[in-house]
């Protein structure tokens, strides 16, 4: 049973990787920069700390685009918990997410 499961999961994993990679390659960092203005309110401030609950806001400039796409998609789908990020990601299209990810990935 396990070997059948492994054989069925591998093609799906490979397909997902190809789709994400193709999305990243087709992304437009310039469009992402315009869309990311809201993101920069928290993620563009060095050493930003959220007031409540208190936590350090993660630096996303220079982060891998694939990771950012996965994170934003999870916030959009509400499979990753954070009310503010749910609100911000809910209106984004897949293209918007890829463009934002490409923009942040281009930063050093």
Protein backbone atom coordinates (compact mmCIF):
# COMPACT_ATOMS: atom_id res chain seq x y z
CA UNK A 1 0.00 0.00 0.00
CA UNK A 2 2.78 2.45 0.90
CA UNK A 3 4.57 1.95 -2.41
CA UNK A 4 1.36 2.73 -4.34
CA UNK A 5 0.90 5.90 -2.29
CA UNK A 6 4.49 6.99 -2.91
CA UNK A 7 4.08 6.41 -6.65
CA UNK A 8 0.91 8.50 -6.75
CA UNK A 9 2.25 11.36 -4.62
CA UNK A 10 5.49 11.82 -6.55
CA UNK A 11 3.89 12.87 -9.87
CA UNK A 12 1.60 15.31 -8.05
CA UNK A 13 4.57 16.81 -6.20
CA UNK A 14 6.53 17.16 -9.42
CA UNK A 15 3.57 18.77 -11.18
CA UNK A 16 3.14 21.27 -8.34
CA UNK A 17 6.84 22.15 -8.51
CA UNK A 18 6.67 22.69 -12.27
CA UNK A 19 3.55 24.87 -11.96
CA UNK A 20 5.06 27.03 -9.23
CA UNK A 21 8.36 27.34 -11.12
CA UNK A 22 6.57 28.35 -14.33
CA UNK A 23 4.47 30.88 -12.42
CA UNK A 24 7.60 32.42 -10.90
CA UNK A 25 9.32 32.61 -14.28
CA UNK A 26 6.32 34.39 -15.82
CA UNK A 27 5.95 36.83 -12.91
CA UNK A 28 6.44 40.59 -13.26
CA UNK A 29 8.45 42.15 -10.40
CA UNK A 30 7.54 45.69 -11.54
CA UNK A 31 3.84 44.89 -11.24
CA UNK A 32 4.59 43.22 -7.91
CA UNK A 33 6.28 46.37 -6.62
CA UNK A 34 3.07 48.36 -7.19
CA UNK A 35 0.97 45.66 -5.52
CA UNK A 36 3.37 45.38 -2.56
CA UNK A 37 2.78 48.87 -1.18
CA UNK A 38 0.48 47.46 1.51
CA UNK A 39 3.03 44.76 2.36
CA UNK A 40 5.77 47.33 2.87
CA UNK A 41 3.80 48.96 5.69
CA UNK A 42 4.92 46.09 7.92
CA UNK A 43 7.50 44.06 5.99
CA UNK A 44 9.42 47.08 4.69
CA UNK A 45 10.37 48.48 8.08
CA UNK A 46 13.63 47.12 9.51
CA UNK A 47 13.16 45.39 12.87
CA UNK A 48 9.38 46.02 12.85
CA UNK A 49 7.60 44.56 15.88
CA UNK A 50 3.84 44.01 15.86
CA UNK A 51 2.09 45.48 18.89
CA UNK A 52 -0.47 42.78 19.67
CA UNK A 53 0.22 39.98 19.70
CA UNK A 54 3.84 40.98 20.05
CA UNK A 55 6.15 39.38 17.51
CA UNK A 56 8.88 40.46 15.15
CA UNK A 57 7.51 40.97 11.62
CA UNK A 58 9.44 38.68 9.26
CA UNK A 59 11.77 40.14 6.67
CA UNK A 60 10.58 38.97 3.26
CA UNK A 61 12.90 40.93 0.97
CA UNK A 62 15.23 38.44 -0.71
CA UNK A 63 13.08 35.47 0.29
CA UNK A 64 12.60 32.72 -2.31
CA UNK A 65 9.65 33.44 -4.60
CA UNK A 66 8.35 29.88 -4.31
CA UNK A 67 8.16 30.22 -0.53
CA UNK A 68 6.35 33.56 -0.77
CA UNK A 69 3.86 32.14 -3.26
CA UNK A 70 3.17 29.20 -0.96
CA UNK A 71 2.78 31.47 2.08
CA UNK A 72 0.51 34.02 0.38
CA UNK A 73 -1.60 31.25 -1.13
CA UNK A 74 -1.97 29.63 2.28
CA UNK A 75 -3.04 32.95 3.82
CA UNK A 76 -5.50 33.47 0.96
CA UNK A 77 -6.96 29.98 1.47
CA UNK A 78 -6.93 30.47 5.27
CA UNK A 79 -4.79 27.37 5.78
CA UNK A 80 -2.14 29.55 7.42
CA UNK A 81 -3.27 31.54 10.46
CA UNK A 82 -2.99 35.33 10.59
CA UNK A 83 -6.07 37.57 10.34
CA UNK A 84 -4.27 40.58 8.82
CA UNK A 85 -2.54 38.44 6.22
CA UNK A 86 -5.87 36.71 5.41
CA UNK A 87 -7.39 40.13 4.75
CA UNK A 88 -4.48 41.26 2.59
CA UNK A 89 -4.18 38.05 0.58
CA UNK A 90 -7.89 37.35 0.08
CA UNK A 91 -8.27 39.74 -2.86
CA UNK A 92 -5.06 38.72 -4.64
CA UNK A 93 -5.16 36.69 -7.83
CA UNK A 94 -2.59 33.97 -8.49
CA UNK A 95 -0.87 36.39 -10.88
CA UNK A 96 -0.80 39.11 -8.20
CA UNK A 97 0.75 36.66 -5.74
CA UNK A 98 3.40 35.59 -8.24
CA UNK A 99 4.21 39.22 -9.09
CA UNK A 100 4.51 40.21 -5.41
CA UNK A 101 6.71 37.17 -4.76
CA UNK A 102 8.93 38.06 -7.72
CA UNK A 103 9.29 41.62 -6.44
CA UNK A 104 10.28 40.60 -2.91
CA UNK A 105 12.58 37.87 -4.20
CA UNK A 106 14.39 40.50 -6.28
CA UNK A 107 15.27 42.56 -3.18
CA UNK A 108 18.52 42.01 -1.35
